[in-house]
Amino acid sequence: MDILTSSPKDANYSNGYQAYSGEDQAVYSGPTLDIVDGSIGRGEGITVFYSYNPINLPNRTAYYIEYSTASGPKRGYILRSEEHTSELQSP
């Protein structure tokens, strides 16, 4: 994923910050990133609430996000791509 608007550590759960996905990617249902629950497309707008290092992938960064679906907003987790050094694209 290639995404960055501000520091995820500065984000908070109630407000978050707007960003766009830099690539197509899976959205996971839980913080251990083991069950795929949806997907977001390249350029899709998301709200990022916070970042963390998954227990099962301690050298990677993941984000808790909100994204739009046909049935309304949904929340989940995305994993930072190993190929990219930045995380979110500015609007």
C-alpha atoms as a PDB file:
ATOM      1  CA  MET A   1       0.000   0.000   0.000  1.00  0.00           C
ATOM      2  CA  ASP A   2       1.238   3.506  -0.704  1.00  0.00           C
ATOM      3  CA  ILE A   3      -0.497   5.974   1.637  1.00  0.00           C
ATOM      4  CA  LEU A   4       0.387   9.144   3.719  1.00  0.00           C
ATOM      5  CA  THR A   5      -1.388  12.305   4.866  1.00  0.00           C
ATOM      6  CA  SER A   6      -0.151  12.739   8.424  1.00  0.00           C
ATOM      7  CA  SER A   7       1.388  10.602  11.110  1.00  0.00           C
ATOM      8  CA  PRO A   8      -0.914   7.671  11.969  1.00  0.00           C
ATOM      9  CA  LYS A   9       0.324   7.973  15.543  1.00  0.00           C
ATOM     10  CA  ASP A  10      -1.335  11.439  15.606  1.00  0.00           C
ATOM     11  CA  ALA A  11      -4.697  10.013  14.546  1.00  0.00           C
ATOM     12  CA  ASN A  12      -7.395   9.129  17.048  1.00  0.00           C
ATOM     13  CA  TYR A  13     -10.212   6.624  17.110  1.00  0.00           C
ATOM     14  CA  SER A  14     -13.108   9.093  17.015  1.00  0.00           C
ATOM     15  CA  ASN A  15     -11.861  11.442  14.286  1.00  0.00           C
ATOM     16  CA  GLY A  16      -9.136   9.740  12.269  1.00  0.00           C
ATOM     17  CA  TYR A  17      -7.727  11.317   9.120  1.00  0.00           C
ATOM     18  CA  GLN A  18      -8.590  11.009   5.443  1.00  0.00           C
ATOM     19  CA  ALA A  19      -6.307   9.166   3.031  1.00  0.00           C
ATOM     20  CA  TYR A  20      -6.423   7.206  -0.229  1.00  0.00           C
ATOM     21  CA  SER A  21      -5.228   3.688  -0.891  1.00  0.00           C
ATOM     22  CA  GLY A  22      -2.247   3.580  -3.229  1.00  0.00           C
ATOM     23  CA  GLU A  23      -3.031   0.041  -4.403  1.00  0.00           C
ATOM     24  CA  ASP A  24      -5.700  -2.680  -4.365  1.00  0.00           C
ATOM     25  CA  GLN A  25      -5.535  -4.519  -1.065  1.00  0.00           C
ATOM     26  CA  ALA A  26      -7.334  -6.835   1.331  1.00  0.00           C
ATOM     27  CA  VAL A  27      -9.174  -5.575   4.400  1.00  0.00           C
ATOM     28  CA  TYR A  28      -9.003  -7.902   7.398  1.00  0.00           C
ATOM     29  CA  SER A  29     -11.632  -8.405  10.099  1.00  0.00           C
ATOM     30  CA  GLY A  30      -9.274  -8.545  13.075  1.00  0.00           C
ATOM     31  CA  PRO A  31      -5.987  -7.091  14.289  1.00  0.00           C
ATOM     32  CA  THR A  32      -4.052 -10.325  13.645  1.00  0.00           C
ATOM     33  CA  LEU A  33      -4.817  -9.954   9.905  1.00  0.00           C
ATOM     34  CA  ASP A  34      -5.744 -13.602   9.405  1.00  0.00           C
ATOM     35  CA  ILE A  35      -9.306 -13.333   7.990  1.00  0.00           C
ATOM     36  CA  VAL A  36     -10.011 -11.276   4.863  1.00  0.00           C
ATOM     37  CA  ASP A  37     -13.332  -9.456   5.213  1.00  0.00           C
ATOM     38  CA  GLY A  38     -13.301  -7.195   2.159  1.00  0.00           C
ATOM     39  CA  SER A  39     -11.078  -5.139  -0.091  1.00  0.00           C
ATOM     40  CA  ILE A  40     -10.320  -1.578  -1.103  1.00  0.00           C
ATOM     41  CA  GLY A  41      -9.226  -0.413  -4.519  1.00  0.00           C
ATOM     42  CA  ARG A  42      -6.422   1.832  -5.648  1.00  0.00           C
ATOM     43  CA  GLY A  43      -7.380   5.462  -5.081  1.00  0.00           C
ATOM     44  CA  GLU A  44     -10.264   4.590  -2.745  1.00  0.00           C
ATOM     45  CA  GLY A  45     -10.833   7.053   0.074  1.00  0.00           C
ATOM     46  CA  ILE A  46     -10.470   5.734   3.619  1.00  0.00           C
ATOM     47  CA  THR A  47     -10.376   7.072   7.173  1.00  0.00           C
ATOM     48  CA  VAL A  48      -7.357   5.961   9.226  1.00  0.00           C
ATOM     49  CA  PHE A  49      -7.847   5.776  12.998  1.00  0.00           C
ATOM     50  CA  TYR A  50      -4.510   4.382  14.200  1.00  0.00           C
ATOM     51  CA  SER A  51      -1.458   2.309  13.291  1.00  0.00           C
ATOM     52  CA  TYR A  52       0.121  -0.605  15.132  1.00  0.00           C
ATOM     53  CA  ASN A  53       2.555  -3.497  14.733  1.00  0.00           C
ATOM     54  CA  PRO A  54       0.641  -6.806  14.600  1.00  0.00           C
ATOM     55  CA  ILE A  55       1.743  -9.368  17.204  1.00  0.00           C
ATOM     56  CA  ASN A  56       2.094 -12.035  14.496  1.00  0.00           C
ATOM     57  CA  LEU A  57       3.947  -9.641  12.119  1.00  0.00           C
ATOM     58  CA  PRO A  58       6.005  -7.441  14.495  1.00  0.00           C
ATOM     59  CA  ASN A  59       8.177  -5.917  11.741  1.00  0.00           C
ATOM     60  CA  ARG A  60       5.177  -4.704   9.723  1.00  0.00           C
ATOM     61  CA  THR A  61       2.757  -1.807  10.164  1.00  0.00           C
ATOM     62  CA  ALA A  62      -1.017  -2.173  10.013  1.00  0.00           C
ATOM     63  CA  TYR A  63      -3.849   0.367  10.184  1.00  0.00           C
ATOM     64  CA  TYR A  64      -7.362   0.343  11.585  1.00  0.00           C
ATOM     65  CA  ILE A  65      -9.548   2.039   8.954  1.00  0.00           C
ATOM     66  CA  GLU A  66     -13.077   2.836   7.865  1.00  0.00           C
ATOM     67  CA  TYR A  67     -14.050   2.412   4.210  1.00  0.00           C
ATOM     68  CA  SER A  68     -17.247   2.595   2.174  1.00  0.00           C
ATOM     69  CA  THR A  69     -19.241  -0.370   0.909  1.00  0.00           C
ATOM     70  CA  ALA A  70     -22.538  -0.638  -0.969  1.00  0.00           C
ATOM     71  CA  SER A  71     -24.234  -1.445   2.355  1.00  0.00           C
ATOM     72  CA  GLY A  72     -22.633   1.469   4.216  1.00  0.00           C
ATOM     73  CA  PRO A  73     -19.376   2.232   6.048  1.00  0.00           C
ATOM     74  CA  LYS A  74     -17.336  -0.667   7.351  1.00  0.00           C
ATOM     75  CA  ARG A  75     -14.243  -0.858   9.573  1.00  0.00           C
ATOM     76  CA  GLY A  76     -11.305  -3.207   9.291  1.00  0.00           C
ATOM     77  CA  TYR A  77      -7.532  -3.560   9.207  1.00  0.00           C
ATOM     78  CA  ILE A  78      -5.073  -3.169   6.353  1.00  0.00           C
ATOM     79  CA  LEU A  79      -1.414  -4.131   6.190  1.00  0.00           C
ATOM     80  CA  ARG A  80       1.301  -1.820   4.909  1.00  0.00           C
ATOM     81  CA  SER A  81       2.979  -3.141   1.799  1.00  0.00           C
ATOM     82  CA  GLU A  82       6.618  -4.165   2.242  1.00  0.00           C
ATOM     83  CA  GLU A  83       7.518  -2.568  -1.105  1.00  0.00           C
ATOM     84  CA  HIS A  84       6.462   0.968  -0.163  1.00  0.00           C
ATOM     85  CA  THR A  85       8.052   3.283   2.345  1.00  0.00           C
ATOM     86  CA  SER A  86       5.096   5.659   2.576  1.00  0.00           C
ATOM     87  CA  GLU A  87       1.650   4.603   3.629  1.00  0.00           C
ATOM     88  CA  LEU A  88      -1.177   6.852   2.409  1.00  0.00           C
ATOM     89  CA  GLN A  89      -1.654   9.287  -0.439  1.00  0.00           C
ATOM     90  CA  SER A  90      -2.901  12.776   0.287  1.00  0.00           C
ATOM     91  CA  PRO A  91      -6.245  13.809  -1.229  1.00  0.00           C
END
